[in-house]
Amino acid sequence: MGDLEYLFYGLVITCITSLMGVIIGIPLGLAVALGRVKKIPVVSQLLTLYVSFIRSLPLVLLVLWLCFGVPFLGINLDAFVAGSIALAINHSAFISEIWRSAILNFSVEQVEAAKAFGMTQNQAFVRIILPQVWRASLPAIANEITFIVKASPAVGVIGINDLTRRASQLAASNFQPLTMTAIAMLFYILLLFSFTRLTRTIDYRMHQRYELI
């Protein structure tokens, strides 16, 4: 296997772990935000503590704890699963703040109008609040997703051969650190550029759609 192919497979692993972090992290962040906004006794305080704790905890320590600490509780996690969950948990705390801010700033008049039309609280949230909150939050969430990708090399400490770890391995074996790290940097730049273009396109089309309604 050539160096470029070896790095490319590392890029694929980086994409998968980051994607898993996004798929789990976004809805988890929404759940945390809703729990805090509803101000449920005890639950709201615990979720506030969760956000503060996770935001202050280094991602590497969370990765290590899920991979090597959790098994002592009788839960065995594969390294790939542990790394993906760690990314999701870490960034759910930051994403929850984005969701919470958007929900708190949502128009009260629209909620009252929905209730006047006979909608339940859950129906109003799904049909009216969530679509608009998602559209308002998309730029900030997209920015947070780029941080997930850039934080993903933390999973390398538990043996996951992501792009950064593979570049480091090749640099140590062929004594070309400048070349290997430069190629890895180029892969990251292309990945994040492609993602940024995609989110901008989605955001633009969403705005066009709502302007036509």
C-alpha atoms as a PDB file:
ATOM      1  CA  MET A   1       0.000   0.000   0.000  1.00  0.00           C
ATOM      2  CA  GLY A   2       1.414   3.379  -1.033  1.00  0.00           C
ATOM      3  CA  ASP A   3       1.732   6.350   1.291  1.00  0.00           C
ATOM      4  CA  LEU A   4      -1.094   8.287  -0.342  1.00  0.00           C
ATOM      5  CA  GLU A   5      -3.425   5.307  -0.194  1.00  0.00           C
ATOM      6  CA  TYR A   6      -2.513   4.726   3.446  1.00  0.00           C
ATOM      7  CA  LEU A   7      -3.297   8.364   4.261  1.00  0.00           C
ATOM      8  CA  PHE A   8      -6.506   8.245   2.250  1.00  0.00           C
ATOM      9  CA  TYR A   9      -7.809   5.349   4.346  1.00  0.00           C
ATOM     10  CA  GLY A  10      -6.954   7.434   7.395  1.00  0.00           C
ATOM     11  CA  LEU A  11      -9.053  10.241   5.926  1.00  0.00           C
ATOM     12  CA  VAL A  12     -11.958   7.822   5.530  1.00  0.00           C
ATOM     13  CA  ILE A  13     -11.672   6.824   9.205  1.00  0.00           C
ATOM     14  CA  THR A  14     -11.550  10.496  10.194  1.00  0.00           C
ATOM     15  CA  CYS A  15     -14.711  11.133   8.170  1.00  0.00           C
ATOM     16  CA  ILE A  16     -16.539   8.192   9.749  1.00  0.00           C
ATOM     17  CA  THR A  17     -15.637   9.031  13.362  1.00  0.00           C
ATOM     18  CA  SER A  18     -16.500  12.697  12.793  1.00  0.00           C
ATOM     19  CA  LEU A  19     -19.784  11.768  11.111  1.00  0.00           C
ATOM     20  CA  MET A  20     -20.725   9.511  14.009  1.00  0.00           C
ATOM     21  CA  GLY A  21     -19.957  12.355  16.390  1.00  0.00           C
ATOM     22  CA  VAL A  22     -22.226  14.652  14.374  1.00  0.00           C
ATOM     23  CA  ILE A  23     -25.090  12.149  14.029  1.00  0.00           C
ATOM     24  CA  ILE A  24     -25.135  11.516  17.782  1.00  0.00           C
ATOM     25  CA  GLY A  25     -24.019  14.943  18.983  1.00  0.00           C
ATOM     26  CA  ILE A  26     -26.633  17.124  17.252  1.00  0.00           C
ATOM     27  CA  PRO A  27     -29.779  15.351  18.582  1.00  0.00           C
ATOM     28  CA  LEU A  28     -28.108  14.822  21.963  1.00  0.00           C
ATOM     29  CA  GLY A  29     -27.386  18.542  22.124  1.00  0.00           C
ATOM     30  CA  LEU A  30     -31.017  19.269  21.235  1.00  0.00           C
ATOM     31  CA  ALA A  31     -32.239  16.949  24.000  1.00  0.00           C
ATOM     32  CA  VAL A  32     -29.968  18.662  26.528  1.00  0.00           C
ATOM     33  CA  ALA A  33     -31.124  22.102  25.378  1.00  0.00           C
ATOM     34  CA  LEU A  34     -34.811  21.149  25.661  1.00  0.00           C
ATOM     35  CA  GLY A  35     -34.252  19.713  29.116  1.00  0.00           C
ATOM     36  CA  ARG A  36     -32.728  22.992  30.258  1.00  0.00           C
ATOM     37  CA  VAL A  37     -35.276  25.247  28.523  1.00  0.00           C
ATOM     38  CA  LYS A  38     -38.227  23.374  30.069  1.00  0.00           C
ATOM     39  CA  LYS A  39     -36.661  23.950  33.512  1.00  0.00           C
ATOM     40  CA  ILE A  40     -37.671  20.572  34.872  1.00  0.00           C
ATOM     41  CA  PRO A  41     -36.719  20.436  38.579  1.00  0.00           C
ATOM     42  CA  VAL A  42     -33.459  18.589  39.260  1.00  0.00           C
ATOM     43  CA  VAL A  43     -33.163  17.509  35.591  1.00  0.00           C
ATOM     44  CA  SER A  44     -32.470  21.072  34.454  1.00  0.00           C
ATOM     45  CA  GLN A  45     -29.790  21.534  37.133  1.00  0.00           C
ATOM     46  CA  LEU A  46     -28.165  18.206  36.267  1.00  0.00           C
ATOM     47  CA  LEU A  47     -28.067  19.102  32.564  1.00  0.00           C
ATOM     48  CA  THR A  48     -26.539  22.485  33.373  1.00  0.00           C
ATOM     49  CA  LEU A  49     -23.869  20.678  35.394  1.00  0.00           C
ATOM     50  CA  TYR A  50     -23.378  18.231  32.495  1.00  0.00           C
ATOM     51  CA  VAL A  51     -22.760  21.076  30.027  1.00  0.00           C
ATOM     52  CA  SER A  52     -20.333  22.862  32.351  1.00  0.00           C
ATOM     53  CA  PHE A  53     -18.454  19.655  33.164  1.00  0.00           C
ATOM     54  CA  ILE A  54     -18.129  18.417  29.575  1.00  0.00           C
ATOM     55  CA  ARG A  55     -17.086  21.831  28.255  1.00  0.00           C
ATOM     56  CA  SER A  56     -14.280  22.011  30.811  1.00  0.00           C
ATOM     57  CA  LEU A  57     -13.106  18.398  30.304  1.00  0.00           C
ATOM     58  CA  PRO A  58     -10.273  17.802  27.802  1.00  0.00           C
ATOM     59  CA  LEU A  59     -11.497  15.616  24.947  1.00  0.00           C
ATOM     60  CA  VAL A  60      -8.490  13.300  25.208  1.00  0.00           C
ATOM     61  CA  LEU A  61      -9.363  12.441  28.821  1.00  0.00           C
ATOM     62  CA  LEU A  62     -12.953  11.689  27.819  1.00  0.00           C
ATOM     63  CA  VAL A  63     -11.714   9.391  25.038  1.00  0.00           C
ATOM     64  CA  LEU A  64      -9.393   7.569  27.432  1.00  0.00           C
ATOM     65  CA  TRP A  65     -12.094   7.224  30.102  1.00  0.00           C
ATOM     66  CA  LEU A  66     -14.662   5.759  27.699  1.00  0.00           C
ATOM     67  CA  CYS A  67     -12.145   3.300  26.276  1.00  0.00           C
ATOM     68  CA  PHE A  68     -10.283   2.221  29.425  1.00  0.00           C
ATOM     69  CA  GLY A  69     -12.368   3.437  32.389  1.00  0.00           C
ATOM     70  CA  VAL A  70     -15.884   2.364  31.425  1.00  0.00           C
ATOM     71  CA  PRO A  71     -14.920  -1.360  31.145  1.00  0.00           C
ATOM     72  CA  PHE A  72     -14.412  -1.349  34.937  1.00  0.00           C
ATOM     73  CA  LEU A  73     -18.151  -0.628  35.167  1.00  0.00           C
ATOM     74  CA  GLY A  74     -18.896  -3.740  33.131  1.00  0.00           C
ATOM     75  CA  ILE A  75     -19.384  -1.919  29.808  1.00  0.00           C
ATOM     76  CA  ASN A  76     -16.914  -2.884  27.104  1.00  0.00           C
ATOM     77  CA  LEU A  77     -16.691  -0.459  24.199  1.00  0.00           C
ATOM     78  CA  ASP A  78     -14.788  -0.967  20.982  1.00  0.00           C
ATOM     79  CA  ALA A  79     -12.117   1.708  20.487  1.00  0.00           C
ATOM     80  CA  PHE A  80     -13.907   3.065  17.404  1.00  0.00           C
ATOM     81  CA  VAL A  81     -17.231   3.249  19.262  1.00  0.00           C
ATOM     82  CA  ALA A  82     -15.604   4.848  22.308  1.00  0.00           C
ATOM     83  CA  GLY A  83     -13.899   7.476  20.155  1.00  0.00           C
ATOM     84  CA  SER A  84     -17.071   8.331  18.252  1.00  0.00           C
ATOM     85  CA  ILE A  85     -19.149   8.580  21.437  1.00  0.00           C
ATOM     86  CA  ALA A  86     -16.497  10.768  23.062  1.00  0.00           C
ATOM     87  CA  LEU A  87     -16.638  13.195  20.120  1.00  0.00           C
ATOM     88  CA  ALA A  88     -20.436  13.227  20.298  1.00  0.00           C
ATOM     89  CA  ILE A  89     -20.585  13.822  24.057  1.00  0.00           C
ATOM     90  CA  ASN A  90     -17.914  16.499  23.976  1.00  0.00           C
ATOM     91  CA  HIS A  91     -19.531  18.551  21.236  1.00  0.00           C
ATOM     92  CA  SER A  92     -23.120  17.938  22.365  1.00  0.00           C
ATOM     93  CA  ALA A  93     -22.397  20.301  25.246  1.00  0.00           C
ATOM     94  CA  PHE A  94     -21.383  23.083  22.851  1.00  0.00           C
ATOM     95  CA  ILE A  95     -24.155  22.333  20.348  1.00  0.00           C
ATOM     96  CA  SER A  96     -26.736  22.357  23.151  1.00  0.00           C
ATOM     97  CA  GLU A  97     -25.869  25.989  23.839  1.00  0.00           C
ATOM     98  CA  ILE A  98     -26.522  26.825  20.172  1.00  0.00           C
ATOM     99  CA  TRP A  99     -29.895  25.084  20.274  1.00  0.00           C
ATOM    100  CA  ARG A 100     -30.825  26.645  23.608  1.00  0.00           C
ATOM    101  CA  SER A 101     -30.008  30.159  22.434  1.00  0.00           C
ATOM    102  CA  ALA A 102     -32.090  29.730  19.276  1.00  0.00           C
ATOM    103  CA  ILE A 103     -35.055  28.284  21.202  1.00  0.00           C
ATOM    104  CA  LEU A 104     -34.995  31.044  23.832  1.00  0.00           C
ATOM    105  CA  ASN A 105     -34.903  33.701  21.108  1.00  0.00           C
ATOM    106  CA  PHE A 106     -37.797  32.171  19.183  1.00  0.00           C
ATOM    107  CA  SER A 107     -40.865  34.350  18.678  1.00  0.00           C
ATOM    108  CA  VAL A 108     -43.378  33.855  21.496  1.00  0.00           C
ATOM    109  CA  GLU A 109     -46.134  35.193  19.233  1.00  0.00           C
ATOM    110  CA  GLN A 110     -45.746  32.238  16.866  1.00  0.00           C
ATOM    111  CA  VAL A 111     -46.054  29.769  19.725  1.00  0.00           C
ATOM    112  CA  GLU A 112     -49.201  31.486  20.976  1.00  0.00           C
ATOM    113  CA  ALA A 113     -50.647  31.505  17.447  1.00  0.00           C
ATOM    114  CA  ALA A 114     -50.009  27.760  17.142  1.00  0.00           C
ATOM    115  CA  LYS A 115     -51.803  27.137  20.423  1.00  0.00           C
ATOM    116  CA  ALA A 116     -54.694  29.297  19.215  1.00  0.00           C
ATOM    117  CA  PHE A 117     -55.017  26.988  16.203  1.00  0.00           C
ATOM    118  CA  GLY A 118     -55.364  24.036  18.560  1.00  0.00           C
ATOM    119  CA  MET A 119     -51.843  22.634  18.315  1.00  0.00           C
ATOM    120  CA  THR A 120     -50.375  20.839  21.290  1.00  0.00           C
ATOM    121  CA  GLN A 121     -47.022  21.896  22.652  1.00  0.00           C
ATOM    122  CA  ASN A 122     -45.280  18.977  20.933  1.00  0.00           C
ATOM    123  CA  GLN A 123     -47.013  19.643  17.607  1.00  0.00           C
ATOM    124  CA  ALA A 124     -46.055  23.312  17.734  1.00  0.00           C
ATOM    125  CA  PHE A 125     -42.465  22.398  18.447  1.00  0.00           C
ATOM    126  CA  VAL A 126     -42.155  19.855  15.628  1.00  0.00           C
ATOM    127  CA  ARG A 127     -44.075  21.792  12.980  1.00  0.00           C
ATOM    128  CA  ILE A 128     -43.231  25.412  13.741  1.00  0.00           C
ATOM    129  CA  ILE A 129     -40.400  25.882  16.229  1.00  0.00           C
ATOM    130  CA  LEU A 130     -37.917  23.179  15.200  1.00  0.00           C
ATOM    131  CA  PRO A 131     -37.756  23.989  11.442  1.00  0.00           C
ATOM    132  CA  GLN A 132     -37.092  27.665  12.122  1.00  0.00           C
ATOM    133  CA  VAL A 133     -34.710  27.021  15.010  1.00  0.00           C
ATOM    134  CA  TRP A 134     -32.782  24.551  12.842  1.00  0.00           C
ATOM    135  CA  ARG A 135     -32.492  27.122  10.047  1.00  0.00           C
ATOM    136  CA  ALA A 136     -31.310  29.808  12.473  1.00  0.00           C
ATOM    137  CA  SER A 137     -28.834  27.458  14.158  1.00  0.00           C
ATOM    138  CA  LEU A 138     -27.386  25.884  11.005  1.00  0.00           C
ATOM    139  CA  PRO A 139     -24.424  28.295  10.516  1.00  0.00           C
ATOM    140  CA  ALA A 140     -23.326  27.955  14.143  1.00  0.00           C
ATOM    141  CA  ILE A 141     -23.835  24.181  14.172  1.00  0.00           C
ATOM    142  CA  ALA A 142     -21.912  23.879  10.897  1.00  0.00           C
ATOM    143  CA  ASN A 143     -19.069  25.799  12.494  1.00  0.00           C
ATOM    144  CA  GLU A 144     -19.148  23.451  15.480  1.00  0.00           C
ATOM    145  CA  ILE A 145     -19.015  20.448  13.153  1.00  0.00           C
ATOM    146  CA  THR A 146     -15.732  21.764  11.713  1.00  0.00           C
ATOM    147  CA  PHE A 147     -14.409  21.728  15.283  1.00  0.00           C
ATOM    148  CA  ILE A 148     -15.487  18.089  15.577  1.00  0.00           C
ATOM    149  CA  VAL A 149     -13.419  17.223  12.505  1.00  0.00           C
ATOM    150  CA  LYS A 150     -10.409  19.146  13.798  1.00  0.00           C
ATOM    151  CA  ALA A 151     -10.751  17.552  17.239  1.00  0.00           C
ATOM    152  CA  SER A 152     -11.058  14.030  15.821  1.00  0.00           C
ATOM    153  CA  PRO A 153      -7.285  13.293  16.040  1.00  0.00           C
ATOM    154  CA  ALA A 154      -7.856  12.875  19.779  1.00  0.00           C
ATOM    155  CA  VAL A 155      -9.174   9.365  19.055  1.00  0.00           C
ATOM    156  CA  GLY A 156      -5.666   8.392  17.981  1.00  0.00           C
ATOM    157  CA  VAL A 157      -4.633   8.013  21.648  1.00  0.00           C
ATOM    158  CA  ILE A 158      -6.665   4.780  21.845  1.00  0.00           C
ATOM    159  CA  GLY A 159      -5.173   3.298  18.695  1.00  0.00           C
ATOM    160  CA  ILE A 160      -7.619   4.438  16.010  1.00  0.00           C
ATOM    161  CA  ASN A 161      -5.636   4.940  12.816  1.00  0.00           C
ATOM    162  CA  ASP A 162      -7.155   8.208  11.692  1.00  0.00           C
ATOM    163  CA  LEU A 163      -5.514  10.601   9.252  1.00  0.00           C
ATOM    164  CA  THR A 164      -3.303  12.370  11.785  1.00  0.00           C
ATOM    165  CA  ARG A 165      -2.093   9.133  13.394  1.00  0.00           C
ATOM    166  CA  ARG A 166      -1.271   7.602  10.006  1.00  0.00           C
ATOM    167  CA  ALA A 167       0.626  10.721   8.938  1.00  0.00           C
ATOM    168  CA  SER A 168       2.628  10.510  12.163  1.00  0.00           C
ATOM    169  CA  GLN A 169       3.374   6.817  11.577  1.00  0.00           C
ATOM    170  CA  LEU A 170       4.569   7.435   8.025  1.00  0.00           C
ATOM    171  CA  ALA A 171       6.681  10.400   9.115  1.00  0.00           C
ATOM    172  CA  ALA A 172       8.423   8.167  11.662  1.00  0.00           C
ATOM    173  CA  SER A 173       8.972   5.306   9.204  1.00  0.00           C
ATOM    174  CA  ASN A 174      10.089   7.086   6.041  1.00  0.00           C
ATOM    175  CA  PHE A 175      11.701  10.112   7.725  1.00  0.00           C
ATOM    176  CA  GLN A 176       9.650  12.581   5.669  1.00  0.00           C
ATOM    177  CA  PRO A 177       7.698  14.457   8.349  1.00  0.00           C
ATOM    178  CA  LEU A 178       7.300  17.611   6.273  1.00  0.00           C
ATOM    179  CA  THR A 179       5.811  15.779   3.293  1.00  0.00           C
ATOM    180  CA  MET A 180       3.509  13.496   5.288  1.00  0.00           C
ATOM    181  CA  THR A 181       2.126  16.248   7.511  1.00  0.00           C
ATOM    182  CA  ALA A 182       1.707  18.556   4.514  1.00  0.00           C
ATOM    183  CA  ILE A 183      -0.364  15.920   2.682  1.00  0.00           C
ATOM    184  CA  ALA A 184      -2.450  15.323   5.803  1.00  0.00           C
ATOM    185  CA  MET A 185      -3.026  19.060   6.131  1.00  0.00           C
ATOM    186  CA  LEU A 186      -4.120  19.220   2.492  1.00  0.00           C
ATOM    187  CA  PHE A 187      -6.608  16.380   3.073  1.00  0.00           C
ATOM    188  CA  TYR A 188      -8.072  18.191   6.091  1.00  0.00           C
ATOM    189  CA  ILE A 189      -8.334  21.455   4.147  1.00  0.00           C
ATOM    190  CA  LEU A 190     -10.100  19.769   1.228  1.00  0.00           C
ATOM    191  CA  LEU A 191     -12.472  17.950   3.590  1.00  0.00           C
ATOM    192  CA  LEU A 192     -13.412  21.076   5.528  1.00  0.00           C
ATOM    193  CA  PHE A 193     -13.663  23.191   2.360  1.00  0.00           C
ATOM    194  CA  SER A 194     -16.048  20.669   0.795  1.00  0.00           C
ATOM    195  CA  PHE A 195     -18.130  20.548   3.958  1.00  0.00           C
ATOM    196  CA  THR A 196     -18.258  24.348   4.212  1.00  0.00           C
ATOM    197  CA  ARG A 197     -19.440  24.634   0.623  1.00  0.00           C
ATOM    198  CA  LEU A 198     -22.111  22.017   1.263  1.00  0.00           C
ATOM    199  CA  THR A 199     -23.475  23.737   4.375  1.00  0.00           C
ATOM    200  CA  ARG A 200     -23.510  27.116   2.635  1.00  0.00           C
ATOM    201  CA  THR A 201     -25.498  25.599  -0.240  1.00  0.00           C
ATOM    202  CA  ILE A 202     -27.977  24.025   2.180  1.00  0.00           C
ATOM    203  CA  ASP A 203     -28.298  27.282   4.116  1.00  0.00           C
ATOM    204  CA  TYR A 204     -28.844  29.282   0.915  1.00  0.00           C
ATOM    205  CA  ARG A 205     -31.534  26.916  -0.355  1.00  0.00           C
ATOM    206  CA  MET A 206     -33.299  26.885   3.004  1.00  0.00           C
ATOM    207  CA  HIS A 207     -33.448  30.682   3.007  1.00  0.00           C
ATOM    208  CA  GLN A 208     -34.773  30.704  -0.552  1.00  0.00           C
ATOM    209  CA  ARG A 209     -37.430  28.177   0.358  1.00  0.00           C
ATOM    210  CA  TYR A 210     -38.683  30.182   3.346  1.00  0.00           C
ATOM    211  CA  GLU A 211     -38.635  33.442   1.353  1.00  0.00           C
ATOM    212  CA  LEU A 212     -40.990  31.851  -1.190  1.00  0.00           C
ATOM    213  CA  ILE A 213     -43.435  30.688   1.474  1.00  0.00           C
END
